[in-house]
Amino acid sequence: MKVNRFCSLGILLVIIFLTSGCFGSGSHNPFQDLFRLSLEEEKKLSQMILEEIRKQKQLVRDPYIQQYVEDVGQRIVAQIGPQPFHYNFYVLNDPNINAFAIPAGHIFIYSGLFNMLDNESELAGVLCHEIAHSVARHIAQQIEKASKLTLPTLAAIMAGAMLGGGGEATEAVIAGSLAGETSLMLKFSREDEEEADRLGFSYITQAGYDSCGIVRFLFKLAKEYGIMSGRLASYQSTHPEIIHRITYLETMISPSRQCWGRREESGTFRRIKARSIIETRGTQSAIKYFNQQLRDDPQDLESLYGLALSYQKARNMDEAIDILEKVIAQNPEDAEVRRDLGIVYFDAREFEKAAVYLEEATAAMPEDVVCLYYLGRAYEEKGELDKSLEAYKQVIVLEPRYFFVYRNLGLIYDRKGLYAQSHDNLGIYFELQGERDKALFHFKKAQELYEKYSKEAERIEKKIKELSREGIVDHHR
């Protein structure tokens, strides 16, 4: 029996929780008081799990996929009232079909999930269900059950998780451990699933989505791939009894509604799906896929769009430019295509043309962070540093954690002889990258260069103290 390496992460977090010193020393088992954990302690736990996820999986690199899922998720969260945590949404670059939640409001989907989705309502249905698990504290309850695991079982699962399923013997140990402990941390009960479906159904309707979305998604899982297929192993392990869930959900939908045969693809969703196909399948496979789609419908603009982005990623800029210009000719008001053509021209080092298209796109989409970032880079390459600075500053206003921009700001300030600002921004860049030592180096340089007792110097001093404390905690952890 082959066990997905990532499936063991759920139990691995128990090991982290048990062996961590963040709850202090002593013999008390924190699982016994799980529901009395402070918000700060649960946040610490979630950060430790996030660190493990980042070690084992990569997020998709395309910022538009991440932002799209984040926007859909936040639209849903806005309907559920005050919550103890800020919800965050992530897309992991993995061709399998899976979605899950971890403590403190962190929701994950695999990029392979997009292959099963036909519209935004189906994506919303999946996210609603995971949000509901988080709101109902089902994940916390599963962690509490895991306190019953024996130390030998914990050791076996830790070894299997850290080795990544290296070999049949390791896989057998993991499989046996999971079976012996009734797959703790991997399966929700029928009652949990029903509650998550009830809450999720309420969220999706309040957010204005088609309530049939989750039913259609589950039906496709059951019909097209089979409940026990390998591709569904990870999702099925954490979301059992799919057929039962379909039947249960159908009872909540008005008898006058017909979920089957409905198809409502928006242009935005199809473009995000195209981007996901490129990320998940790789450039050559994506090129073949979109060419096949175009053989069936040569005028399909979204397939042309996907093909152009595939060529861009394959560094075939001439083909990408040719296709995107054809798309614009058919739809001249499409600001997204103008943005992408501007980015392709930038990659082709045709900075004048890049700036023209990016300026037009920014005028139509003033809050598109990536568009603004590339416009700033185009200005920077043209030597128009003041215009570049303005574009980069606007990026920070819209998205303060867009870490790329701080490196560009640091380099521009260096070129302008503003060395304190240069080190300041490079410090932020490395801090957001998780490179504490490099961040401290640049912050200390900035502190030396800023005027003493200025607001900037005081802010930098606080940041240095904060990062220094984190270093002490890491050293003793």
Protein backbone atom coordinates (compact mmCIF):
# COMPACT_ATOMS: atom_id res chain seq x y z
CA MET A 1 0.00 0.00 0.00
CA LYS A 2 1.55 3.28 -1.07
CA VAL A 3 0.98 6.13 1.37
CA ASN A 4 1.11 9.70 0.11
CA ARG A 5 3.98 11.49 1.84
CA PHE A 6 1.88 14.54 2.48
CA CYS A 7 -0.95 12.53 4.03
CA SER A 8 1.33 11.77 6.93
CA LEU A 9 1.72 15.48 7.61
CA GLY A 10 -1.49 15.51 9.62
CA ILE A 11 -0.06 13.06 12.12
CA LEU A 12 3.38 14.63 11.92
CA LEU A 13 1.92 17.84 13.33
CA VAL A 14 0.97 15.86 16.43
CA ILE A 15 4.61 14.89 16.86
CA ILE A 16 5.66 18.51 16.48
CA PHE A 17 3.06 19.54 19.03
CA LEU A 18 4.14 16.89 21.52
CA THR A 19 7.86 17.56 21.20
CA SER A 20 7.70 21.36 20.99
CA GLY A 21 8.82 23.52 23.85
CA CYS A 22 6.52 26.39 22.97
CA PHE A 23 4.06 25.38 25.70
CA GLY A 24 6.71 25.26 28.40
CA SER A 25 8.37 22.38 30.20
CA GLY A 26 6.66 19.91 32.51
CA SER A 27 4.73 16.67 32.29
CA HIS A 28 1.32 18.14 31.37
CA ASN A 29 0.02 16.96 27.99
CA PRO A 30 -1.38 20.02 26.15
CA PHE A 31 -3.83 17.85 24.18
CA GLN A 32 -5.85 17.28 27.35
CA ASP A 33 -6.69 21.00 27.41
CA LEU A 34 -6.84 21.59 23.67
CA PHE A 35 -9.94 23.73 23.78
CA ARG A 36 -8.43 25.90 26.53
CA LEU A 37 -5.41 26.83 24.41
CA SER A 38 -4.96 30.55 24.03
CA LEU A 39 -5.26 32.07 20.58
CA GLU A 40 -1.56 32.84 20.67
CA GLU A 41 -0.68 29.19 21.37
CA GLU A 42 -2.88 27.96 18.54
CA LYS A 43 -1.29 30.49 16.21
CA LYS A 44 2.15 29.20 17.23
CA LEU A 45 1.03 25.67 16.48
CA SER A 46 -0.24 26.68 13.04
CA GLN A 47 3.07 28.40 12.23
CA MET A 48 4.97 25.22 13.09
CA ILE A 49 2.70 23.22 10.78
CA LEU A 50 3.17 25.81 8.02
CA GLU A 51 6.93 25.41 8.34
CA GLU A 52 6.59 21.65 7.83
CA ILE A 53 4.31 22.14 4.83
CA ARG A 54 6.80 24.50 3.21
CA LYS A 55 9.53 21.90 3.67
CA GLN A 56 7.53 19.23 1.85
CA LYS A 57 5.45 21.14 -0.69
CA GLN A 58 5.80 24.22 -2.89
CA LEU A 59 3.17 26.88 -3.43
CA VAL A 60 2.28 27.61 -7.02
CA ARG A 61 4.50 30.42 -8.26
CA ASP A 62 1.82 32.19 -10.28
CA PRO A 63 0.56 35.05 -8.05
CA TYR A 64 -2.73 35.32 -9.95
CA ILE A 65 -3.73 31.77 -8.96
CA GLN A 66 -2.96 32.45 -5.31
CA GLN A 67 -4.78 35.79 -5.36
CA TYR A 68 -7.84 34.36 -7.10
CA VAL A 69 -8.27 31.61 -4.50
CA GLU A 70 -7.62 34.12 -1.72
CA ASP A 71 -10.32 36.44 -3.11
CA VAL A 72 -12.91 33.65 -3.35
CA GLY A 73 -12.03 32.49 0.16
CA GLN A 74 -12.29 35.96 1.69
CA ARG A 75 -15.64 36.53 -0.03
CA ILE A 76 -16.91 33.45 1.82
CA VAL A 77 -15.30 34.33 5.17
CA ALA A 78 -17.00 37.74 5.03
CA GLN A 79 -20.33 35.95 5.41
CA ILE A 80 -19.62 33.96 8.57
CA GLY A 81 -19.26 36.66 11.20
CA PRO A 82 -16.39 37.45 13.59
CA GLN A 83 -13.70 34.79 13.80
CA PRO A 84 -10.76 34.37 16.21
CA PHE A 85 -8.29 34.06 13.34
CA HIS A 86 -7.59 35.74 10.04
CA TYR A 87 -8.19 33.18 7.30
CA ASN A 88 -5.46 32.51 4.74
CA PHE A 89 -5.72 30.46 1.55
CA TYR A 90 -2.93 28.63 -0.26
CA VAL A 91 -2.53 26.67 -3.51
CA LEU A 92 0.10 23.91 -3.37
CA ASN A 93 1.72 22.85 -6.63
CA ASP A 94 0.62 19.22 -6.75
CA PRO A 95 -1.29 17.38 -9.52
CA ASN A 96 -3.35 15.36 -7.05
CA ILE A 97 -6.83 16.26 -5.84
CA ASN A 98 -6.93 17.43 -2.25
CA ALA A 99 -8.06 20.20 0.08
CA PHE A 100 -7.58 20.52 3.83
CA ALA A 101 -7.47 22.96 6.74
CA ILE A 102 -5.02 23.33 9.61
CA PRO A 103 -5.52 25.21 12.90
CA ALA A 104 -5.84 29.01 13.04
CA GLY A 105 -7.69 29.41 9.76
CA HIS A 106 -5.20 28.21 7.14
CA ILE A 107 -6.91 26.54 4.14
CA PHE A 108 -5.02 24.62 1.42
CA ILE A 109 -5.97 23.22 -1.96
CA TYR A 110 -3.84 21.34 -4.47
CA SER A 111 -3.42 22.86 -7.94
CA GLY A 112 -4.60 19.54 -9.41
CA LEU A 113 -8.03 20.36 -8.01
CA PHE A 114 -8.58 22.85 -10.86
CA ASN A 115 -8.63 19.95 -13.33
CA MET A 116 -11.88 18.83 -11.70
CA LEU A 117 -13.51 22.27 -11.50
CA ASP A 118 -15.66 23.90 -14.19
CA ASN A 119 -16.53 27.19 -12.50
CA GLU A 120 -15.99 29.40 -9.49
CA SER A 121 -19.02 28.02 -7.63
CA GLU A 122 -17.42 24.59 -7.51
CA LEU A 123 -14.20 26.09 -6.11
CA ALA A 124 -16.28 28.03 -3.59
CA GLY A 125 -18.01 24.79 -2.56
CA VAL A 126 -14.68 23.14 -1.76
CA LEU A 127 -13.43 26.17 0.18
CA CYS A 128 -16.73 26.51 2.09
CA HIS A 129 -16.42 22.93 3.30
CA GLU A 130 -12.85 23.43 4.56
CA ILE A 131 -13.73 26.74 6.20
CA ALA A 132 -16.62 24.98 7.94
CA HIS A 133 -14.25 22.33 9.32
CA SER A 134 -12.15 25.15 10.76
CA VAL A 135 -15.09 27.10 12.20
CA ALA A 136 -16.50 23.93 13.83
CA ARG A 137 -13.07 23.07 15.35
CA HIS A 138 -13.04 19.61 13.77
CA ILE A 139 -9.27 19.80 13.22
CA ALA A 140 -8.76 20.58 16.90
CA GLN A 141 -10.88 17.59 17.86
CA GLN A 142 -8.76 15.29 15.69
CA ILE A 143 -5.59 16.59 17.35
CA GLU A 144 -7.13 15.80 20.73
CA LYS A 145 -7.77 12.20 19.66
CA ALA A 146 -4.15 11.88 18.57
CA SER A 147 -3.03 12.16 22.19
CA LYS A 148 -3.85 8.43 22.38
CA LEU A 149 -1.04 7.51 19.99
CA THR A 150 1.73 5.44 21.54
CA LEU A 151 5.35 6.56 21.42
CA PRO A 152 6.36 3.67 19.10
CA THR A 153 3.61 4.68 16.71
CA LEU A 154 4.71 8.30 16.85
CA ALA A 155 8.30 7.26 16.17
CA ALA A 156 7.28 5.11 13.20
CA ILE A 157 5.18 7.84 11.67
CA MET A 158 7.89 10.45 12.26
CA ALA A 159 10.47 8.23 10.52
CA GLY A 160 8.15 7.59 7.59
CA ALA A 161 7.25 11.25 7.28
CA MET A 162 10.83 12.51 7.43
CA LEU A 163 12.06 9.88 4.97
CA GLY A 164 9.26 10.71 2.60
CA GLY A 165 8.06 7.16 2.11
CA GLY A 166 11.48 5.97 1.10
CA GLY A 167 10.99 2.33 0.28
CA GLU A 168 8.41 -0.39 0.84
CA ALA A 169 9.47 -1.05 4.42
CA THR A 170 8.90 2.55 5.41
CA GLU A 171 5.57 2.64 3.62
CA ALA A 172 4.48 -0.52 5.40
CA VAL A 173 5.36 1.00 8.77
CA ILE A 174 3.32 4.12 8.02
CA ALA A 175 0.40 2.14 6.64
CA GLY A 176 0.39 -0.19 9.62
CA SER A 177 0.56 2.69 12.06
CA LEU A 178 -2.33 4.46 10.42
CA ALA A 179 -4.44 1.31 10.33
CA GLY A 180 -3.63 0.44 13.93
CA GLU A 181 -4.70 3.86 15.15
CA THR A 182 -7.82 4.05 12.92
CA SER A 183 -6.25 6.72 10.73
CA LEU A 184 -6.31 9.37 13.43
CA MET A 185 -5.85 12.88 12.13
CA LEU A 186 -6.76 11.80 8.62
CA LYS A 187 -10.49 11.06 8.72
CA PHE A 188 -13.38 13.17 9.83
CA SER A 189 -16.43 11.35 11.19
CA ARG A 190 -19.72 11.27 9.31
CA GLU A 191 -21.07 13.75 11.88
CA ASP A 192 -18.14 16.09 11.21
CA GLU A 193 -18.71 15.89 7.47
CA GLU A 194 -22.43 16.51 7.81
CA GLU A 195 -21.84 19.53 10.02
CA ALA A 196 -19.22 20.90 7.61
CA ASP A 197 -21.60 20.34 4.71
CA ARG A 198 -24.45 22.11 6.55
CA LEU A 199 -22.27 25.09 7.45
CA GLY A 200 -20.61 25.12 4.03
CA PHE A 201 -24.01 25.09 2.31
CA SER A 202 -25.03 28.12 4.36
CA TYR A 203 -21.79 29.96 3.55
CA ILE A 204 -21.94 29.34 -0.19
CA THR A 205 -25.52 30.60 -0.50
CA GLN A 206 -24.83 33.68 1.65
CA ALA A 207 -21.79 34.49 -0.51
CA GLY A 208 -24.01 34.47 -3.60
CA TYR A 209 -22.62 31.34 -5.26
CA ASP A 210 -24.55 28.49 -6.85
CA SER A 211 -25.27 26.07 -4.00
CA CYS A 212 -24.94 23.14 -6.41
CA GLY A 213 -21.20 23.78 -6.73
CA ILE A 214 -20.01 21.33 -4.09
CA VAL A 215 -22.50 18.66 -5.21
CA ARG A 216 -21.29 18.81 -8.81
CA PHE A 217 -17.68 18.62 -7.65
CA LEU A 218 -18.30 15.56 -5.47
CA PHE A 219 -20.34 13.87 -8.18
CA LYS A 220 -17.48 14.30 -10.68
CA LEU A 221 -15.05 12.84 -8.16
CA ALA A 222 -17.23 9.77 -7.69
CA LYS A 223 -18.17 9.31 -11.36
CA GLU A 224 -15.05 10.21 -13.34
CA TYR A 225 -12.28 8.85 -11.13
CA GLY A 226 -13.86 6.34 -8.79
CA ILE A 227 -13.86 6.65 -5.05
CA MET A 228 -10.83 4.42 -4.50
CA SER A 229 -8.62 5.61 -7.36
CA GLY A 230 -5.05 6.58 -6.56
CA ARG A 231 -5.58 10.20 -7.58
CA LEU A 232 -8.26 10.59 -4.93
CA ALA A 233 -6.39 8.81 -2.16
CA SER A 234 -5.42 11.99 -0.31
CA TYR A 235 -8.82 13.68 -0.54
CA GLN A 236 -10.72 10.48 0.23
CA SER A 237 -8.57 9.79 3.29
CA THR A 238 -9.66 13.05 4.93
CA HIS A 239 -13.16 13.31 3.47
CA PRO A 240 -14.78 9.85 3.65
CA GLU A 241 -18.13 8.64 2.34
CA ILE A 242 -18.41 10.89 -0.69
CA ILE A 243 -21.57 9.20 -1.98
CA HIS A 244 -23.26 9.73 1.39
CA ARG A 245 -22.27 13.39 1.32
CA ILE A 246 -23.78 13.87 -2.16
CA THR A 247 -27.08 12.40 -0.98
CA TYR A 248 -27.03 14.48 2.19
CA LEU A 249 -26.31 17.72 0.34
CA GLU A 250 -29.03 17.08 -2.21
CA THR A 251 -31.60 17.06 0.60
CA MET A 252 -30.70 20.69 1.37
CA ILE A 253 -31.16 21.87 -2.21
CA SER A 254 -34.60 22.95 -3.35
CA PRO A 255 -36.37 20.21 -5.34
CA SER A 256 -36.91 22.71 -8.15
CA ARG A 257 -33.16 23.10 -8.62
CA GLN A 258 -31.28 20.93 -11.11
CA CYS A 259 -27.57 20.61 -10.35
CA TRP A 260 -26.73 18.25 -13.18
CA GLY A 261 -25.76 19.54 -16.58
CA ARG A 262 -25.26 23.12 -15.38
CA ARG A 263 -22.10 24.73 -16.74
CA GLU A 264 -21.19 28.35 -16.07
CA GLU A 265 -17.57 29.05 -16.87
CA SER A 266 -16.50 32.67 -16.51
CA GLY A 267 -13.57 34.06 -18.47
CA THR A 268 -11.69 34.83 -15.25
CA PHE A 269 -12.10 31.31 -13.92
CA ARG A 270 -11.01 29.74 -17.22
CA ARG A 271 -7.87 31.87 -17.28
CA ILE A 272 -6.99 30.88 -13.73
CA LYS A 273 -7.60 27.26 -14.66
CA ALA A 274 -5.31 27.69 -17.69
CA ARG A 275 -2.61 29.12 -15.44
CA SER A 276 -3.03 26.21 -13.05
CA ILE A 277 -2.64 23.72 -15.91
CA ILE A 278 0.66 25.37 -16.86
CA GLU A 279 1.90 25.31 -13.26
CA THR A 280 0.85 21.72 -12.60
CA ARG A 281 1.63 20.00 -15.89
CA GLY A 282 4.72 21.88 -17.01
CA THR A 283 5.21 23.89 -20.18
CA GLN A 284 5.51 21.19 -22.85
CA SER A 285 2.53 19.22 -21.57
CA ALA A 286 0.52 22.44 -21.32
CA ILE A 287 1.41 23.40 -24.90
CA LYS A 288 0.14 20.02 -26.11
CA TYR A 289 -3.03 20.39 -24.05
CA PHE A 290 -3.94 23.84 -25.37
CA ASN A 291 -3.11 22.88 -28.95
CA GLN A 292 -5.51 19.96 -28.60
CA GLN A 293 -8.19 22.30 -27.27
CA LEU A 294 -7.64 24.60 -30.25
CA ARG A 295 -7.98 21.73 -32.70
CA ASP A 296 -11.48 21.27 -31.31
CA ASP A 297 -12.23 25.02 -31.32
CA PRO A 298 -9.66 27.20 -33.15
CA GLN A 299 -11.40 30.42 -32.01
CA ASP A 300 -11.36 29.65 -28.29
CA LEU A 301 -9.72 32.78 -26.88
CA GLU A 302 -9.07 31.25 -23.45
CA SER A 303 -7.19 28.32 -24.97
CA LEU A 304 -5.19 30.78 -27.08
CA TYR A 305 -4.47 32.69 -23.89
CA GLY A 306 -3.27 29.54 -22.15
CA LEU A 307 -1.10 28.59 -25.13
CA ALA A 308 0.51 32.04 -25.15
CA LEU A 309 1.37 31.85 -21.44
CA SER A 310 2.77 28.34 -21.97
CA TYR A 311 5.09 29.67 -24.69
CA GLN A 312 6.09 32.54 -22.42
CA LYS A 313 7.07 30.12 -19.68
CA ALA A 314 8.97 28.05 -22.27
CA ARG A 315 10.87 31.28 -23.13
CA ASN A 316 9.45 31.31 -26.68
CA MET A 317 8.56 34.99 -26.58
CA ASP A 318 7.94 35.41 -30.30
CA GLU A 319 5.15 32.81 -30.28
CA ALA A 320 3.68 34.23 -27.07
CA ILE A 321 3.64 37.79 -28.45
CA ASP A 322 2.12 36.69 -31.76
CA ILE A 323 -0.75 34.83 -30.05
CA LEU A 324 -1.50 37.55 -27.48
CA GLU A 325 -1.61 40.21 -30.19
CA LYS A 326 -4.17 38.08 -32.04
CA VAL A 327 -6.25 37.80 -28.87
CA ILE A 328 -6.13 41.58 -28.36
CA ALA A 329 -7.15 42.14 -31.98
CA GLN A 330 -10.33 40.16 -31.28
CA ASN A 331 -10.92 41.73 -27.86
CA PRO A 332 -9.17 45.14 -27.74
CA GLU A 333 -10.72 46.14 -24.38
CA ASP A 334 -9.24 43.15 -22.53
CA ALA A 335 -6.94 44.74 -19.92
CA GLU A 336 -5.70 41.37 -18.61
CA VAL A 337 -4.33 40.39 -22.00
CA ARG A 338 -2.69 43.82 -22.38
CA ARG A 339 -1.05 43.30 -19.01
CA ASP A 340 0.23 39.85 -19.96
CA LEU A 341 1.47 41.09 -23.34
CA GLY A 342 3.33 43.86 -21.52
CA ILE A 343 4.96 41.29 -19.22
CA VAL A 344 5.94 39.13 -22.21
CA TYR A 345 7.50 42.18 -23.91
CA PHE A 346 9.39 42.85 -20.65
CA ASP A 347 10.69 39.26 -20.63
CA ALA A 348 11.71 39.77 -24.26
CA ARG A 349 13.60 42.90 -23.09
CA GLU A 350 11.52 45.22 -25.26
CA PHE A 351 11.02 47.69 -22.44
CA GLU A 352 9.45 50.53 -24.43
CA LYS A 353 6.62 48.32 -25.70
CA ALA A 354 6.33 46.70 -22.28
CA ALA A 355 5.78 50.09 -20.61
CA VAL A 356 3.10 51.09 -23.15
CA TYR A 357 0.98 47.97 -22.62
CA LEU A 358 1.53 47.97 -18.84
CA GLU A 359 0.51 51.63 -18.57
CA GLU A 360 -2.71 50.87 -20.47
CA ALA A 361 -3.41 47.85 -18.29
CA THR A 362 -2.69 49.77 -15.07
CA ALA A 363 -5.10 52.52 -16.08
CA ALA A 364 -7.84 49.87 -16.40
CA MET A 365 -6.75 47.80 -13.37
CA PRO A 366 -5.10 50.23 -10.90
CA GLU A 367 -5.00 47.66 -8.09
CA ASP A 368 -3.30 44.88 -10.06
CA VAL A 369 -0.14 44.47 -7.99
CA VAL A 370 1.80 42.34 -10.49
CA CYS A 371 1.00 44.75 -13.31
CA LEU A 372 2.26 47.69 -11.23
CA TYR A 373 5.38 45.76 -10.27
CA TYR A 374 6.29 45.01 -13.88
CA LEU A 375 5.52 48.60 -14.86
CA GLY A 376 7.99 49.71 -12.20
CA ARG A 377 10.56 47.28 -13.55
CA ALA A 378 10.03 48.54 -17.11
CA TYR A 379 10.60 52.11 -15.93
CA GLU A 380 13.67 50.97 -13.99
CA GLU A 381 15.15 49.32 -17.08
CA LYS A 382 14.48 52.49 -19.07
CA GLY A 383 16.33 54.52 -16.43
CA GLU A 384 13.19 56.38 -15.31
CA LEU A 385 13.92 55.83 -11.62
CA ASP A 386 11.43 58.31 -10.15
CA LYS A 387 8.55 56.74 -12.09
CA SER A 388 9.81 53.33 -11.02
CA LEU A 389 9.84 54.36 -7.35
CA GLU A 390 6.24 55.61 -7.57
CA ALA A 391 5.07 52.32 -9.09
CA TYR A 392 6.90 50.26 -6.47
CA LYS A 393 5.53 52.39 -3.61
CA GLN A 394 2.01 51.81 -4.92
CA VAL A 395 2.68 48.06 -4.89
CA ILE A 396 3.55 48.27 -1.18
CA VAL A 397 0.38 50.27 -0.43
CA LEU A 398 -1.69 47.53 -2.07
CA GLU A 399 0.29 44.52 -0.86
CA PRO A 400 2.89 45.20 1.87
CA ARG A 401 4.13 41.58 1.84
CA TYR A 402 4.95 41.52 -1.90
CA PHE A 403 8.58 40.88 -1.06
CA PHE A 404 10.08 41.17 -4.57
CA VAL A 405 9.45 44.91 -4.64
CA TYR A 406 11.64 45.63 -1.61
CA ARG A 407 14.70 44.27 -3.41
CA ASN A 408 14.02 46.54 -6.37
CA LEU A 409 13.51 49.51 -4.07
CA GLY A 410 16.77 48.74 -2.30
CA LEU A 411 18.67 48.68 -5.58
CA ILE A 412 17.09 51.90 -6.86
CA TYR A 413 17.81 53.77 -3.63
CA ASP A 414 21.41 52.55 -3.89
CA ARG A 415 21.64 53.94 -7.43
CA LYS A 416 20.29 57.29 -6.14
CA GLY A 417 22.81 57.36 -3.27
CA LEU A 418 20.13 56.96 -0.58
CA TYR A 419 21.96 54.22 1.27
CA ALA A 420 19.91 54.20 4.50
CA GLN A 421 16.70 53.61 2.52
CA SER A 422 18.51 51.02 0.41
CA HIS A 423 19.56 48.92 3.42
CA ASP A 424 16.15 49.44 5.04
CA ASN A 425 14.29 47.94 2.07
CA LEU A 426 16.79 45.13 1.59
CA GLY A 427 16.31 44.28 5.26
CA ILE A 428 12.55 44.01 4.73
CA TYR A 429 13.13 41.87 1.63
CA PHE A 430 15.27 39.34 3.50
CA GLU A 431 12.97 39.38 6.53
CA LEU A 432 9.99 38.43 4.35
CA GLN A 433 12.12 35.73 2.75
CA GLY A 434 12.82 34.27 6.19
CA GLU A 435 16.57 35.04 6.02
CA ARG A 436 16.94 36.56 9.48
CA ASP A 437 20.74 37.01 9.53
CA LYS A 438 20.79 38.90 6.21
CA ALA A 439 17.83 40.99 7.32
CA LEU A 440 19.63 41.93 10.56
CA PHE A 441 22.77 42.89 8.62
CA HIS A 442 20.88 45.37 6.44
CA PHE A 443 18.73 46.75 9.27
CA LYS A 444 21.85 47.43 11.35
CA LYS A 445 23.45 49.23 8.38
CA ALA A 446 20.28 51.29 7.95
CA GLN A 447 20.27 52.13 11.68
CA GLU A 448 23.82 53.46 11.39
CA LEU A 449 22.89 55.65 8.43
CA TYR A 450 19.54 57.07 9.54
CA GLU A 451 19.57 60.23 11.63
CA LYS A 452 19.71 59.34 15.31
CA TYR A 453 16.36 59.49 17.14
CA SER A 454 14.46 59.84 13.86
CA LYS A 455 11.24 57.85 13.39
CA GLU A 456 13.03 55.64 10.88
CA ALA A 457 15.86 54.91 13.33
CA GLU A 458 13.37 54.08 16.12
CA ARG A 459 11.42 51.75 13.82
CA ILE A 460 14.62 49.99 12.75
CA GLU A 461 15.75 49.61 16.38
CA LYS A 462 12.46 47.87 17.26
CA LYS A 463 12.81 45.58 14.25
CA ILE A 464 16.37 44.63 15.21
CA LYS A 465 15.27 43.75 18.76
CA GLU A 466 12.36 41.71 17.44
CA LEU A 467 14.52 39.70 15.03
CA SER A 468 17.21 39.22 17.68
CA ARG A 469 14.63 37.73 20.08
CA GLU A 470 13.42 35.37 17.35
CA GLY A 471 17.00 34.21 16.87
CA ILE A 472 17.29 33.35 20.57
CA VAL A 473 14.02 31.39 20.45
CA ASP A 474 15.18 29.49 17.34
CA HIS A 475 18.50 28.67 18.98
CA HIS A 476 16.81 27.14 22.06
CA ARG A 477 13.89 25.47 20.27
